[in-house]
Amino acid sequence: MSVSFKPNTVIMTDLGLQEGGPIHKFFTNTCYLHMDEYVPFDSGDLASIVSISTDGKYITYEVPYASYQYYGVREDGTHQINEDNRNRSMHPKATSFWVEKMVTAEKNDIIKEVQDELKRRGGQ
């Protein structure tokens, strides 16, 4: 008796797991939604002027000071932002390095949501 398998690339495409595929895009969007409450929010520009690339690879915060906020330094680069002084009235988990903080706290939830989406689409 012989057994044959489809190549990995075909299986991944069938499931929507290929780079830029529907599950990849779902994953990126899910990360973005979970990440929002970790993004510093004062006037709202940083949290709201954001884009997700059409291939689902990148989430880009498009304000000029985004990298300063991400790395936790003042715009002039002179010193660190005191995390205790962040305004957290709109985003209670606001912090620097928000991607890493969100992943640490919510990785299992994101995995479950992606698994549920795969099941919903007919994957096993």
C-alpha atoms as a PDB file:
ATOM      1  CA  MET A   1       0.000   0.000   0.000  1.00  0.00           C
ATOM      2  CA  SER A   2       1.399   3.378  -0.933  1.00  0.00           C
ATOM      3  CA  VAL A   3       0.630   6.669   0.726  1.00  0.00           C
ATOM      4  CA  SER A   4       1.017  10.004  -0.978  1.00  0.00           C
ATOM      5  CA  PHE A   5       0.900  13.457   0.497  1.00  0.00           C
ATOM      6  CA  LYS A   6       0.441  16.853  -1.021  1.00  0.00           C
ATOM      7  CA  PRO A   7       3.491  19.123  -0.803  1.00  0.00           C
ATOM      8  CA  ASN A   8       3.568  21.418   2.245  1.00  0.00           C
ATOM      9  CA  THR A   9       3.044  24.487   0.081  1.00  0.00           C
ATOM     10  CA  VAL A  10      -0.180  23.041  -1.343  1.00  0.00           C
ATOM     11  CA  ILE A  11      -1.465  22.099   2.118  1.00  0.00           C
ATOM     12  CA  MET A  12      -0.639  25.571   3.457  1.00  0.00           C
ATOM     13  CA  THR A  13      -2.402  27.236   0.524  1.00  0.00           C
ATOM     14  CA  ASP A  14      -5.443  24.974   0.919  1.00  0.00           C
ATOM     15  CA  LEU A  15      -5.674  26.072   4.562  1.00  0.00           C
ATOM     16  CA  GLY A  16      -4.982  29.746   3.808  1.00  0.00           C
ATOM     17  CA  LEU A  17      -1.732  29.648   5.796  1.00  0.00           C
ATOM     18  CA  GLN A  18       0.621  30.854   3.061  1.00  0.00           C
ATOM     19  CA  GLU A  19       2.319  34.216   3.433  1.00  0.00           C
ATOM     20  CA  GLY A  20      -0.270  36.853   2.579  1.00  0.00           C
ATOM     21  CA  GLY A  21      -3.067  34.296   2.689  1.00  0.00           C
ATOM     22  CA  PRO A  22      -6.367  34.757   4.508  1.00  0.00           C
ATOM     23  CA  ILE A  23      -5.210  33.187   7.786  1.00  0.00           C
ATOM     24  CA  HIS A  24      -2.000  35.218   7.741  1.00  0.00           C
ATOM     25  CA  LYS A  25      -4.083  38.385   7.260  1.00  0.00           C
ATOM     26  CA  PHE A  26      -6.504  37.276   9.987  1.00  0.00           C
ATOM     27  CA  PHE A  27      -3.557  36.729  12.345  1.00  0.00           C
ATOM     28  CA  THR A  28      -2.116  40.195  11.636  1.00  0.00           C
ATOM     29  CA  ASN A  29      -5.486  41.879  12.120  1.00  0.00           C
ATOM     30  CA  THR A  30      -6.079  39.931  15.342  1.00  0.00           C
ATOM     31  CA  CYS A  31      -2.688  41.064  16.664  1.00  0.00           C
ATOM     32  CA  TYR A  32      -3.565  44.652  15.757  1.00  0.00           C
ATOM     33  CA  LEU A  33      -6.860  44.450  17.663  1.00  0.00           C
ATOM     34  CA  HIS A  34      -5.188  42.974  20.736  1.00  0.00           C
ATOM     35  CA  MET A  35      -2.345  45.484  20.530  1.00  0.00           C
ATOM     36  CA  ASP A  36      -4.527  48.589  20.547  1.00  0.00           C
ATOM     37  CA  GLU A  37      -4.911  48.944  24.306  1.00  0.00           C
ATOM     38  CA  TYR A  38      -1.107  48.722  24.713  1.00  0.00           C
ATOM     39  CA  VAL A  39      -0.460  51.644  22.342  1.00  0.00           C
ATOM     40  CA  PRO A  40       0.067  54.964  24.139  1.00  0.00           C
ATOM     41  CA  PHE A  41      -2.927  57.248  23.702  1.00  0.00           C
ATOM     42  CA  ASP A  42      -2.964  60.949  24.410  1.00  0.00           C
ATOM     43  CA  SER A  43      -4.683  62.766  21.543  1.00  0.00           C
ATOM     44  CA  GLY A  44      -5.302  59.518  19.665  1.00  0.00           C
ATOM     45  CA  ASP A  45      -3.096  60.080  16.615  1.00  0.00           C
ATOM     46  CA  LEU A  46      -0.616  57.306  17.372  1.00  0.00           C
ATOM     47  CA  ALA A  47      -3.336  54.714  17.960  1.00  0.00           C
ATOM     48  CA  SER A  48      -5.541  55.770  15.059  1.00  0.00           C
ATOM     49  CA  ILE A  49      -3.097  56.622  12.248  1.00  0.00           C
ATOM     50  CA  VAL A  50      -2.104  53.060  11.553  1.00  0.00           C
ATOM     51  CA  SER A  51      -2.163  50.786   8.523  1.00  0.00           C
ATOM     52  CA  ILE A  52      -1.986  47.078   7.886  1.00  0.00           C
ATOM     53  CA  SER A  53      -0.202  46.142   4.672  1.00  0.00           C
ATOM     54  CA  THR A  54      -2.304  44.476   1.997  1.00  0.00           C
ATOM     55  CA  ASP A  55      -0.213  41.305   2.267  1.00  0.00           C
ATOM     56  CA  GLY A  56      -0.827  41.160   6.024  1.00  0.00           C
ATOM     57  CA  LYS A  57       2.872  41.317   6.895  1.00  0.00           C
ATOM     58  CA  TYR A  58       3.097  44.691   8.595  1.00  0.00           C
ATOM     59  CA  ILE A  59       1.283  46.927  11.025  1.00  0.00           C
ATOM     60  CA  THR A  60       2.636  50.456  10.660  1.00  0.00           C
ATOM     61  CA  TYR A  61       2.030  53.319  13.075  1.00  0.00           C
ATOM     62  CA  GLU A  62       2.392  56.305  10.788  1.00  0.00           C
ATOM     63  CA  VAL A  63       2.956  59.311  13.028  1.00  0.00           C
ATOM     64  CA  PRO A  64       6.479  60.778  13.127  1.00  0.00           C
ATOM     65  CA  TYR A  65       6.897  60.133  16.851  1.00  0.00           C
ATOM     66  CA  ALA A  66       5.777  56.466  16.788  1.00  0.00           C
ATOM     67  CA  SER A  67       9.291  55.064  17.162  1.00  0.00           C
ATOM     68  CA  TYR A  68      10.032  57.346  20.106  1.00  0.00           C
ATOM     69  CA  GLN A  69       6.923  56.143  21.888  1.00  0.00           C
ATOM     70  CA  TYR A  70       7.671  52.536  20.969  1.00  0.00           C
ATOM     71  CA  TYR A  71      11.207  52.661  22.354  1.00  0.00           C
ATOM     72  CA  GLY A  72      10.132  54.780  25.318  1.00  0.00           C
ATOM     73  CA  VAL A  73      12.272  57.848  24.717  1.00  0.00           C
ATOM     74  CA  ARG A  74      11.312  61.480  24.380  1.00  0.00           C
ATOM     75  CA  GLU A  75      11.149  62.877  20.832  1.00  0.00           C
ATOM     76  CA  ASP A  76      14.431  64.732  21.303  1.00  0.00           C
ATOM     77  CA  GLY A  77      16.037  61.410  22.317  1.00  0.00           C
ATOM     78  CA  THR A  78      17.459  62.873  25.504  1.00  0.00           C
ATOM     79  CA  HIS A  79      15.912  60.576  28.095  1.00  0.00           C
ATOM     80  CA  GLN A  80      13.547  57.720  28.744  1.00  0.00           C
ATOM     81  CA  ILE A  81       9.811  58.213  29.150  1.00  0.00           C
ATOM     82  CA  ASN A  82       8.754  57.471  32.701  1.00  0.00           C
ATOM     83  CA  GLU A  83       6.261  54.616  32.265  1.00  0.00           C
ATOM     84  CA  ASP A  84       4.556  55.601  35.538  1.00  0.00           C
ATOM     85  CA  ASN A  85       3.660  58.987  34.036  1.00  0.00           C
ATOM     86  CA  ARG A  86       1.904  57.660  30.928  1.00  0.00           C
ATOM     87  CA  ASN A  87      -1.714  58.667  30.451  1.00  0.00           C
ATOM     88  CA  ARG A  88      -3.657  55.398  30.667  1.00  0.00           C
ATOM     89  CA  SER A  89      -7.194  56.786  30.810  1.00  0.00           C
ATOM     90  CA  MET A  90      -8.029  55.597  27.255  1.00  0.00           C
ATOM     91  CA  HIS A  91      -5.601  52.677  26.944  1.00  0.00           C
ATOM     92  CA  PRO A  92      -5.048  51.202  30.403  1.00  0.00           C
ATOM     93  CA  LYS A  93      -2.159  48.962  29.312  1.00  0.00           C
ATOM     94  CA  ALA A  94      -0.274  51.673  27.358  1.00  0.00           C
ATOM     95  CA  THR A  95       3.459  51.109  27.366  1.00  0.00           C
ATOM     96  CA  SER A  96       6.593  51.196  25.287  1.00  0.00           C
ATOM     97  CA  PHE A  97       7.479  48.011  23.366  1.00  0.00           C
ATOM     98  CA  TRP A  98       3.742  47.370  23.043  1.00  0.00           C
ATOM     99  CA  VAL A  99       4.119  44.478  20.589  1.00  0.00           C
ATOM    100  CA  GLU A 100       6.241  42.430  22.972  1.00  0.00           C
ATOM    101  CA  LYS A 101       4.052  43.288  25.972  1.00  0.00           C
ATOM    102  CA  MET A 102       0.892  42.302  24.081  1.00  0.00           C
ATOM    103  CA  VAL A 103       2.411  39.033  22.860  1.00  0.00           C
ATOM    104  CA  THR A 104       3.532  38.100  26.377  1.00  0.00           C
ATOM    105  CA  ALA A 105       0.102  38.813  27.833  1.00  0.00           C
ATOM    106  CA  GLU A 106      -2.216  37.670  25.038  1.00  0.00           C
ATOM    107  CA  LYS A 107      -0.374  35.085  22.933  1.00  0.00           C
ATOM    108  CA  ASN A 108      -2.633  32.204  23.995  1.00  0.00           C
ATOM    109  CA  ASP A 109      -5.782  34.184  23.193  1.00  0.00           C
ATOM    110  CA  ILE A 110      -4.467  35.007  19.725  1.00  0.00           C
ATOM    111  CA  ILE A 111      -3.509  31.383  19.068  1.00  0.00           C
ATOM    112  CA  LYS A 112      -7.022  30.295  20.069  1.00  0.00           C
ATOM    113  CA  GLU A 113      -8.644  32.911  17.812  1.00  0.00           C
ATOM    114  CA  VAL A 114      -6.521  31.819  14.836  1.00  0.00           C
ATOM    115  CA  GLN A 115      -7.292  28.157  15.525  1.00  0.00           C
ATOM    116  CA  ASP A 116     -11.002  28.960  15.712  1.00  0.00           C
ATOM    117  CA  GLU A 117     -10.783  30.829  12.399  1.00  0.00           C
ATOM    118  CA  LEU A 118      -9.033  27.863  10.786  1.00  0.00           C
ATOM    119  CA  LYS A 119     -11.788  25.552  12.032  1.00  0.00           C
ATOM    120  CA  ARG A 120     -14.458  27.962  10.830  1.00  0.00           C
ATOM    121  CA  ARG A 121     -12.893  27.916   7.353  1.00  0.00           C
ATOM    122  CA  GLY A 122     -12.846  24.128   7.318  1.00  0.00           C
ATOM    123  CA  GLY A 123      -9.265  23.424   8.364  1.00  0.00           C
ATOM    124  CA  GLN A 124      -8.503  20.829  11.002  1.00  0.00           C
END
